[in-house]
Amino acid sequence: MAGHNNSLNMDPALVKYANMYVNRHKYFRWTPRTAWLTFAYVVAIPSVFGYMAYTTDGKWDFRGKRRGDTIAEF
Protein backbone atom coordinates (compact mmCIF):
# COMPACT_ATOMS: atom_id res chain seq x y z
CA MET A 1 0.00 0.00 0.00
CA ALA A 2 1.02 3.58 -0.47
CA GLY A 3 1.74 5.96 2.35
CA HIS A 4 5.22 5.03 3.49
CA ASN A 5 6.40 8.56 4.15
CA ASN A 6 9.64 7.66 5.94
CA SER A 7 10.82 4.95 3.58
CA LEU A 8 13.47 7.20 1.95
CA ASN A 9 16.43 8.61 3.80
CA MET A 10 16.97 12.35 3.67
CA ASP A 11 20.10 13.68 2.01
CA PRO A 12 22.48 14.71 4.83
CA ALA A 13 23.68 17.77 2.92
CA LEU A 14 20.11 19.04 2.48
CA VAL A 15 19.32 18.43 6.13
CA LYS A 16 22.43 20.33 7.18
CA TYR A 17 21.54 23.22 4.83
CA ALA A 18 17.96 23.35 6.12
CA ASN A 19 19.16 23.48 9.73
CA MET A 20 21.68 26.19 8.90
CA TYR A 21 19.01 28.23 7.11
CA VAL A 22 16.65 28.03 10.08
CA ASN A 23 19.38 28.89 12.61
CA ARG A 24 21.16 31.52 10.53
CA HIS A 25 20.51 34.26 13.09
CA LYS A 26 22.51 32.31 15.68
CA TYR A 27 25.67 32.33 13.57
CA PHE A 28 25.56 35.89 12.20
CA ARG A 29 28.48 38.18 13.03
CA TRP A 30 29.08 41.81 12.20
CA THR A 31 32.18 41.96 10.04
CA PRO A 32 33.38 44.84 7.87
CA ARG A 33 31.86 43.10 4.85
CA THR A 34 28.43 42.57 6.42
CA ALA A 35 28.43 46.13 7.78
CA TRP A 36 29.23 47.54 4.34
CA LEU A 37 26.59 45.40 2.61
CA THR A 38 23.99 46.40 5.19
CA PHE A 39 24.84 50.09 4.75
CA ALA A 40 24.71 49.78 0.98
CA TYR A 41 21.32 48.02 0.83
CA VAL A 42 19.63 49.93 3.67
CA VAL A 43 20.99 53.46 3.20
CA ALA A 44 22.99 54.05 0.02
CA ILE A 45 20.86 52.46 -2.69
CA PRO A 46 17.47 53.73 -1.43
CA SER A 47 18.85 57.24 -0.98
CA VAL A 48 20.22 57.27 -4.55
CA PHE A 49 16.87 56.15 -5.94
CA GLY A 50 15.06 58.65 -3.72
CA TYR A 51 17.30 61.49 -4.91
CA MET A 52 16.76 60.52 -8.55
CA ALA A 53 12.99 60.35 -8.03
CA TYR A 54 12.93 63.71 -6.23
CA THR A 55 14.99 65.52 -8.86
CA THR A 56 12.98 64.17 -11.80
CA ASP A 57 9.53 64.56 -10.22
CA GLY A 58 7.17 66.27 -12.66
CA LYS A 59 9.66 66.64 -15.50
CA TRP A 60 7.95 64.21 -17.85
CA ASP A 61 4.30 63.78 -18.68
CA PHE A 62 3.41 60.76 -20.78
CA ARG A 63 -0.35 61.21 -20.63
CA GLY A 64 -2.25 62.83 -23.47
CA LYS A 65 0.65 63.25 -25.86
CA ARG A 66 0.39 62.98 -29.61
CA ARG A 67 2.95 61.96 -32.16
CA GLY A 68 5.63 64.60 -32.39
CA ASP A 69 4.86 66.21 -29.01
CA THR A 70 7.74 66.43 -26.59
CA ILE A 71 7.43 64.59 -23.27
CA ALA A 72 9.56 67.13 -21.37
CA GLU A 73 7.54 69.54 -19.27
CA PHE A 74 10.37 71.75 -18.03
PDB file of N, CA and C in Angstrom:
ATOM      1  N   MET A   1       0.818  -1.175   0.000  1.00  0.00           N
ATOM      2  CA  MET A   1       0.000   0.000   0.000  1.00  0.00           C
ATOM      3  C   MET A   1       0.873   1.253   0.000  1.00  0.00           C
ATOM      4  N   ALA A   2       0.311   2.306  -0.455  1.00  0.00           N
ATOM      5  CA  ALA A   2       1.022   3.582  -0.468  1.00  0.00           C
ATOM      6  C   ALA A   2       0.960   4.219   0.913  1.00  0.00           C
ATOM      7  N   GLY A   3       1.787   5.222   1.089  1.00  0.00           N
ATOM      8  CA  GLY A   3       1.741   5.958   2.350  1.00  0.00           C
ATOM      9  C   GLY A   3       2.949   5.757   3.227  1.00  0.00           C
ATOM     10  N   HIS A   4       4.014   5.194   2.700  1.00  0.00           N
ATOM     11  CA  HIS A   4       5.221   5.027   3.490  1.00  0.00           C
ATOM     12  C   HIS A   4       6.048   6.310   3.384  1.00  0.00           C
ATOM     13  N   ASN A   5       5.767   7.251   4.244  1.00  0.00           N
ATOM     14  CA  ASN A   5       6.405   8.557   4.148  1.00  0.00           C
ATOM     15  C   ASN A   5       7.869   8.534   4.545  1.00  0.00           C
ATOM     16  N   ASN A   6       8.261   7.661   5.429  1.00  0.00           N
ATOM     17  CA  ASN A   6       9.638   7.658   5.937  1.00  0.00           C
ATOM     18  C   ASN A   6      10.469   6.538   5.333  1.00  0.00           C
ATOM     19  N   SER A   7      10.099   6.060   4.175  1.00  0.00           N
ATOM     20  CA  SER A   7      10.822   4.950   3.583  1.00  0.00           C
ATOM     21  C   SER A   7      12.129   5.397   2.925  1.00  0.00           C
ATOM     22  N   LEU A   8      12.251   6.696   2.563  1.00  0.00           N
ATOM     23  CA  LEU A   8      13.469   7.202   1.950  1.00  0.00           C
ATOM     24  C   LEU A   8      14.270   7.989   2.975  1.00  0.00           C
ATOM     25  N   ASN A   9      15.566   7.831   2.925  1.00  0.00           N
ATOM     26  CA  ASN A   9      16.430   8.605   3.803  1.00  0.00           C
ATOM     27  C   ASN A   9      16.634   9.994   3.216  1.00  0.00           C
ATOM     28  N   MET A  10      16.725  10.992   4.110  1.00  0.00           N
ATOM     29  CA  MET A  10      16.974  12.354   3.669  1.00  0.00           C
ATOM     30  C   MET A  10      18.448  12.509   3.322  1.00  0.00           C
ATOM     31  N   ASP A  11      18.725  13.382   2.372  1.00  0.00           N
ATOM     32  CA  ASP A  11      20.099  13.682   2.009  1.00  0.00           C
ATOM     33  C   ASP A  11      20.749  14.469   3.146  1.00  0.00           C
ATOM     34  N   PRO A  12      21.869  14.012   3.689  1.00  0.00           N
ATOM     35  CA  PRO A  12      22.480  14.709   4.832  1.00  0.00           C
ATOM     36  C   PRO A  12      22.890  16.144   4.510  1.00  0.00           C
ATOM     37  N   ALA A  13      23.286  16.409   3.285  1.00  0.00           N
ATOM     38  CA  ALA A  13      23.680  17.767   2.919  1.00  0.00           C
ATOM     39  C   ALA A  13      22.468  18.701   2.939  1.00  0.00           C
ATOM     40  N   LEU A  14      21.316  18.221   2.457  1.00  0.00           N
ATOM     41  CA  LEU A  14      20.113  19.043   2.478  1.00  0.00           C
ATOM     42  C   LEU A  14      19.599  19.259   3.896  1.00  0.00           C
ATOM     43  N   VAL A  15      19.731  18.275   4.729  1.00  0.00           N
ATOM     44  CA  VAL A  15      19.318  18.428   6.128  1.00  0.00           C
ATOM     45  C   VAL A  15      20.204  19.453   6.819  1.00  0.00           C
ATOM     46  N   LYS A  16      21.493  19.377   6.576  1.00  0.00           N
ATOM     47  CA  LYS A  16      22.426  20.334   7.176  1.00  0.00           C
ATOM     48  C   LYS A  16      22.134  21.746   6.683  1.00  0.00           C
ATOM     49  N   TYR A  17      21.857  21.905   5.387  1.00  0.00           N
ATOM     50  CA  TYR A  17      21.540  23.219   4.834  1.00  0.00           C
ATOM     51  C   TYR A  17      20.240  23.758   5.420  1.00  0.00           C
ATOM     52  N   ALA A  18      19.239  22.906   5.562  1.00  0.00           N
ATOM     53  CA  ALA A  18      17.956  23.349   6.118  1.00  0.00           C
ATOM     54  C   ALA A  18      18.131  23.799   7.564  1.00  0.00           C
ATOM     55  N   ASN A  19      18.915  23.082   8.337  1.00  0.00           N
ATOM     56  CA  ASN A  19      19.160  23.477   9.726  1.00  0.00           C
ATOM     57  C   ASN A  19      19.946  24.777   9.791  1.00  0.00           C
ATOM     58  N   MET A  20      20.914  24.948   8.913  1.00  0.00           N
ATOM     59  CA  MET A  20      21.681  26.187   8.897  1.00  0.00           C
ATOM     60  C   MET A  20      20.798  27.363   8.512  1.00  0.00           C
ATOM     61  N   TYR A  21      19.897  27.161   7.562  1.00  0.00           N
ATOM     62  CA  TYR A  21      19.013  28.229   7.115  1.00  0.00           C
ATOM     63  C   TYR A  21      18.071  28.658   8.241  1.00  0.00           C
ATOM     64  N   VAL A  22      17.560  27.724   8.990  1.00  0.00           N
ATOM     65  CA  VAL A  22      16.648  28.033  10.085  1.00  0.00           C
ATOM     66  C   VAL A  22      17.392  28.745  11.219  1.00  0.00           C
ATOM     67  N   ASN A  23      18.618  28.340  11.493  1.00  0.00           N
ATOM     68  CA  ASN A  23      19.382  28.889  12.613  1.00  0.00           C
ATOM     69  C   ASN A  23      20.413  29.924  12.179  1.00  0.00           C
ATOM     70  N   ARG A  24      20.186  30.568  11.054  1.00  0.00           N
ATOM     71  CA  ARG A  24      21.161  31.524  10.534  1.00  0.00           C
ATOM     72  C   ARG A  24      21.394  32.687  11.492  1.00  0.00           C
ATOM     73  N   HIS A  25      20.362  33.132  12.176  1.00  0.00           N
ATOM     74  CA  HIS A  25      20.514  34.256  13.090  1.00  0.00           C
ATOM     75  C   HIS A  25      21.446  33.940  14.254  1.00  0.00           C
ATOM     76  N   LYS A  26      21.626  32.683  14.580  1.00  0.00           N
ATOM     77  CA  LYS A  26      22.513  32.313  15.682  1.00  0.00           C
ATOM     78  C   LYS A  26      23.985  32.440  15.297  1.00  0.00           C
ATOM     79  N   TYR A  27      24.288  32.347  14.019  1.00  0.00           N
ATOM     80  CA  TYR A  27      25.671  32.327  13.571  1.00  0.00           C
ATOM     81  C   TYR A  27      26.105  33.622  12.887  1.00  0.00           C
ATOM     82  N   PHE A  28      25.232  34.629  12.874  1.00  0.00           N
ATOM     83  CA  PHE A  28      25.562  35.885  12.205  1.00  0.00           C
ATOM     84  C   PHE A  28      26.536  36.691  13.045  1.00  0.00           C
ATOM     85  N   ARG A  29      27.528  37.290  12.370  1.00  0.00           N
ATOM     86  CA  ARG A  29      28.477  38.181  13.031  1.00  0.00           C
ATOM     87  C   ARG A  29      28.639  39.427  12.189  1.00  0.00           C
ATOM     88  N   TRP A  30      28.800  40.564  12.898  1.00  0.00           N
ATOM     89  CA  TRP A  30      29.083  41.810  12.201  1.00  0.00           C
ATOM     90  C   TRP A  30      30.551  41.837  11.824  1.00  0.00           C
ATOM     91  N   THR A  31      30.823  41.827  10.563  1.00  0.00           N
ATOM     92  CA  THR A  31      32.177  41.962  10.045  1.00  0.00           C
ATOM     93  C   THR A  31      32.196  43.214   9.172  1.00  0.00           C
ATOM     94  N   PRO A  32      33.365  43.688   8.770  1.00  0.00           N
ATOM     95  CA  PRO A  32      33.376  44.842   7.870  1.00  0.00           C
ATOM     96  C   PRO A  32      32.584  44.607   6.589  1.00  0.00           C
ATOM     97  N   ARG A  33      32.606  43.396   6.079  1.00  0.00           N
ATOM     98  CA  ARG A  33      31.858  43.100   4.850  1.00  0.00           C
ATOM     99  C   ARG A  33      30.359  43.164   5.084  1.00  0.00           C
ATOM    100  N   THR A  34      29.871  42.548   6.164  1.00  0.00           N
ATOM    101  CA  THR A  34      28.434  42.574   6.416  1.00  0.00           C
ATOM    102  C   THR A  34      27.960  43.982   6.777  1.00  0.00           C
ATOM    103  N   ALA A  35      28.801  44.748   7.459  1.00  0.00           N
ATOM    104  CA  ALA A  35      28.434  46.129   7.781  1.00  0.00           C
ATOM    105  C   ALA A  35      28.331  46.954   6.501  1.00  0.00           C
ATOM    106  N   TRP A  36      29.269  46.799   5.605  1.00  0.00           N
ATOM    107  CA  TRP A  36      29.235  47.541   4.341  1.00  0.00           C
ATOM    108  C   TRP A  36      28.025  47.147   3.500  1.00  0.00           C
ATOM    109  N   LEU A  37      27.742  45.847   3.392  1.00  0.00           N
ATOM    110  CA  LEU A  37      26.588  45.405   2.613  1.00  0.00           C
ATOM    111  C   LEU A  37      25.284  45.909   3.222  1.00  0.00           C
ATOM    112  N   THR A  38      25.185  45.893   4.538  1.00  0.00           N
ATOM    113  CA  THR A  38      23.986  46.403   5.189  1.00  0.00           C
ATOM    114  C   THR A  38      23.822  47.888   4.920  1.00  0.00           C
ATOM    115  N   PHE A  39      24.899  48.655   5.033  1.00  0.00           N
ATOM    116  CA  PHE A  39      24.838  50.087   4.749  1.00  0.00           C
ATOM    117  C   PHE A  39      24.427  50.333   3.303  1.00  0.00           C
ATOM    118  N   ALA A  40      24.999  49.571   2.391  1.00  0.00           N
ATOM    119  CA  ALA A  40      24.709  49.777   0.979  1.00  0.00           C
ATOM    120  C   ALA A  40      23.241  49.503   0.664  1.00  0.00           C
ATOM    121  N   TYR A  41      22.690  48.395   1.175  1.00  0.00           N
ATOM    122  CA  TYR A  41      21.324  48.020   0.832  1.00  0.00           C
ATOM    123  C   TYR A  41      20.269  48.748   1.650  1.00  0.00           C
ATOM    124  N   VAL A  42      20.623  49.269   2.831  1.00  0.00           N
ATOM    125  CA  VAL A  42      19.631  49.932   3.670  1.00  0.00           C
ATOM    126  C   VAL A  42      19.672  51.441   3.503  1.00  0.00           C
ATOM    127  N   VAL A  43      20.858  52.013   3.250  1.00  0.00           N
ATOM    128  CA  VAL A  43      20.992  53.463   3.203  1.00  0.00           C
ATOM    129  C   VAL A  43      21.359  53.968   1.812  1.00  0.00           C
ATOM    130  N   ALA A  44      22.430  53.467   1.236  1.00  0.00           N
ATOM    131  CA  ALA A  44      22.991  54.054   0.020  1.00  0.00           C
ATOM    132  C   ALA A  44      22.071  53.893  -1.188  1.00  0.00           C
ATOM    133  N   ILE A  45      21.665  52.701  -1.494  1.00  0.00           N
ATOM    134  CA  ILE A  45      20.860  52.457  -2.692  1.00  0.00           C
ATOM    135  C   ILE A  45      19.486  53.125  -2.601  1.00  0.00           C
ATOM    136  N   PRO A  46      18.749  53.013  -1.484  1.00  0.00           N
ATOM    137  CA  PRO A  46      17.469  53.725  -1.431  1.00  0.00           C
ATOM    138  C   PRO A  46      17.616  55.241  -1.493  1.00  0.00           C
ATOM    139  N   SER A  47      18.687  55.793  -0.918  1.00  0.00           N
ATOM    140  CA  SER A  47      18.851  57.242  -0.978  1.00  0.00           C
ATOM    141  C   SER A  47      19.182  57.697  -2.404  1.00  0.00           C
ATOM    142  N   VAL A  48      19.931  56.918  -3.158  1.00  0.00           N
ATOM    143  CA  VAL A  48      20.222  57.270  -4.552  1.00  0.00           C
ATOM    144  C   VAL A  48      18.934  57.247  -5.379  1.00  0.00           C
ATOM    145  N   PHE A  49      18.132  56.207  -5.211  1.00  0.00           N
ATOM    146  CA  PHE A  49      16.869  56.147  -5.935  1.00  0.00           C
ATOM    147  C   PHE A  49      15.922  57.250  -5.488  1.00  0.00           C
ATOM    148  N   GLY A  50      15.899  57.562  -4.212  1.00  0.00           N
ATOM    149  CA  GLY A  50      15.061  58.652  -3.725  1.00  0.00           C
ATOM    150  C   GLY A  50      15.485  59.993  -4.281  1.00  0.00           C
ATOM    151  N   TYR A  51      16.793  60.238  -4.343  1.00  0.00           N
ATOM    152  CA  TYR A  51      17.300  61.488  -4.907  1.00  0.00           C
ATOM    153  C   TYR A  51      16.943  61.596  -6.386  1.00  0.00           C
ATOM    154  N   MET A  52      17.116  60.503  -7.126  1.00  0.00           N
ATOM    155  CA  MET A  52      16.762  60.524  -8.548  1.00  0.00           C
ATOM    156  C   MET A  52      15.269  60.763  -8.738  1.00  0.00           C
ATOM    157  N   ALA A  53      14.437  60.161  -7.905  1.00  0.00           N
ATOM    158  CA  ALA A  53      12.991  60.353  -8.028  1.00  0.00           C
ATOM    159  C   ALA A  53      12.613  61.782  -7.662  1.00  0.00           C
ATOM    160  N   TYR A  54      13.256  62.349  -6.650  1.00  0.00           N
ATOM    161  CA  TYR A  54      12.935  63.709  -6.230  1.00  0.00           C
ATOM    162  C   TYR A  54      13.343  64.737  -7.282  1.00  0.00           C
ATOM    163  N   THR A  55      14.514  64.541  -7.890  1.00  0.00           N
ATOM    164  CA  THR A  55      14.987  65.522  -8.865  1.00  0.00           C
ATOM    165  C   THR A  55      14.240  65.442 -10.194  1.00  0.00           C
ATOM    166  N   THR A  56      13.677  64.296 -10.527  1.00  0.00           N
ATOM    167  CA  THR A  56      12.978  64.166 -11.802  1.00  0.00           C
ATOM    168  C   THR A  56      11.466  64.214 -11.637  1.00  0.00           C
ATOM    169  N   ASP A  57      10.968  64.537 -10.457  1.00  0.00           N
ATOM    170  CA  ASP A  57       9.530  64.560 -10.221  1.00  0.00           C
ATOM    171  C   ASP A  57       8.868  65.670 -11.033  1.00  0.00           C
ATOM    172  N   GLY A  58       7.925  65.306 -11.880  1.00  0.00           N
ATOM    173  CA  GLY A  58       7.168  66.266 -12.662  1.00  0.00           C
ATOM    174  C   GLY A  58       7.848  66.740 -13.927  1.00  0.00           C
ATOM    175  N   LYS A  59       8.968  66.184 -14.294  1.00  0.00           N
ATOM    176  CA  LYS A  59       9.662  66.638 -15.504  1.00  0.00           C
ATOM    177  C   LYS A  59       9.106  66.026 -16.776  1.00  0.00           C
ATOM    178  N   TRP A  60       8.487  64.876 -16.675  1.00  0.00           N
ATOM    179  CA  TRP A  60       7.955  64.211 -17.850  1.00  0.00           C
ATOM    180  C   TRP A  60       6.487  63.910 -17.650  1.00  0.00           C
ATOM    181  N   ASP A  61       5.723  64.071 -18.713  1.00  0.00           N
ATOM    182  CA  ASP A  61       4.302  63.780 -18.683  1.00  0.00           C
ATOM    183  C   ASP A  61       3.979  62.935 -19.903  1.00  0.00           C
ATOM    184  N   PHE A  62       3.668  61.679 -19.680  1.00  0.00           N
ATOM    185  CA  PHE A  62       3.409  60.758 -20.780  1.00  0.00           C
ATOM    186  C   PHE A  62       1.929  60.702 -21.160  1.00  0.00           C
ATOM    187  N   ARG A  63       1.081  61.322 -20.398  1.00  0.00           N
ATOM    188  CA  ARG A  63      -0.348  61.214 -20.633  1.00  0.00           C
ATOM    189  C   ARG A  63      -0.824  62.288 -21.613  1.00  0.00           C
ATOM    190  N   GLY A  64      -1.615  61.893 -22.553  1.00  0.00           N
ATOM    191  CA  GLY A  64      -2.249  62.829 -23.468  1.00  0.00           C
ATOM    192  C   GLY A  64      -1.317  63.431 -24.507  1.00  0.00           C
ATOM    193  N   LYS A  65      -0.263  62.739 -24.849  1.00  0.00           N
ATOM    194  CA  LYS A  65       0.654  63.254 -25.864  1.00  0.00           C
ATOM    195  C   LYS A  65       0.301  62.674 -27.227  1.00  0.00           C
ATOM    196  N   ARG A  66       0.581  63.456 -28.247  1.00  0.00           N
ATOM    197  CA  ARG A  66       0.389  62.982 -29.608  1.00  0.00           C
ATOM    198  C   ARG A  66       1.735  62.787 -30.271  1.00  0.00           C
ATOM    199  N   ARG A  67       1.708  62.199 -31.444  1.00  0.00           N
ATOM    200  CA  ARG A  67       2.953  61.961 -32.161  1.00  0.00           C
ATOM    201  C   ARG A  67       3.624  63.292 -32.467  1.00  0.00           C
ATOM    202  N   GLY A  68       4.886  63.387 -32.132  1.00  0.00           N
ATOM    203  CA  GLY A  68       5.631  64.604 -32.389  1.00  0.00           C
ATOM    204  C   GLY A  68       5.682  65.531 -31.202  1.00  0.00           C
ATOM    205  N   ASP A  69       4.805  65.380 -30.207  1.00  0.00           N
ATOM    206  CA  ASP A  69       4.856  66.211 -29.013  1.00  0.00           C
ATOM    207  C   ASP A  69       6.024  65.780 -28.149  1.00  0.00           C
ATOM    208  N   THR A  70       6.622  66.735 -27.485  1.00  0.00           N
ATOM    209  CA  THR A  70       7.736  66.432 -26.586  1.00  0.00           C
ATOM    210  C   THR A  70       7.195  66.002 -25.222  1.00  0.00           C
ATOM    211  N   ILE A  71       7.885  65.063 -24.568  1.00  0.00           N
ATOM    212  CA  ILE A  71       7.432  64.594 -23.266  1.00  0.00           C
ATOM    213  C   ILE A  71       7.989  65.441 -22.130  1.00  0.00           C
ATOM    214  N   ALA A  72       8.965  66.291 -22.414  1.00  0.00           N
ATOM    215  CA  ALA A  72       9.562  67.125 -21.374  1.00  0.00           C
ATOM    216  C   ALA A  72       8.618  68.259 -21.022  1.00  0.00           C
ATOM    217  N   GLU A  73       8.436  68.499 -19.739  1.00  0.00           N
ATOM    218  CA  GLU A  73       7.538  69.540 -19.265  1.00  0.00           C
ATOM    219  C   GLU A  73       8.296  70.689 -18.621  1.00  0.00           C
ATOM    220  N   PHE A  74       9.599  70.689 -18.681  1.00  0.00           N
ATOM    221  CA  PHE A  74      10.365  71.749 -18.033  1.00  0.00           C
ATOM    222  C   PHE A  74      11.021  72.659 -19.051  1.00  0.00           C
TER     223      PHE A  74
END
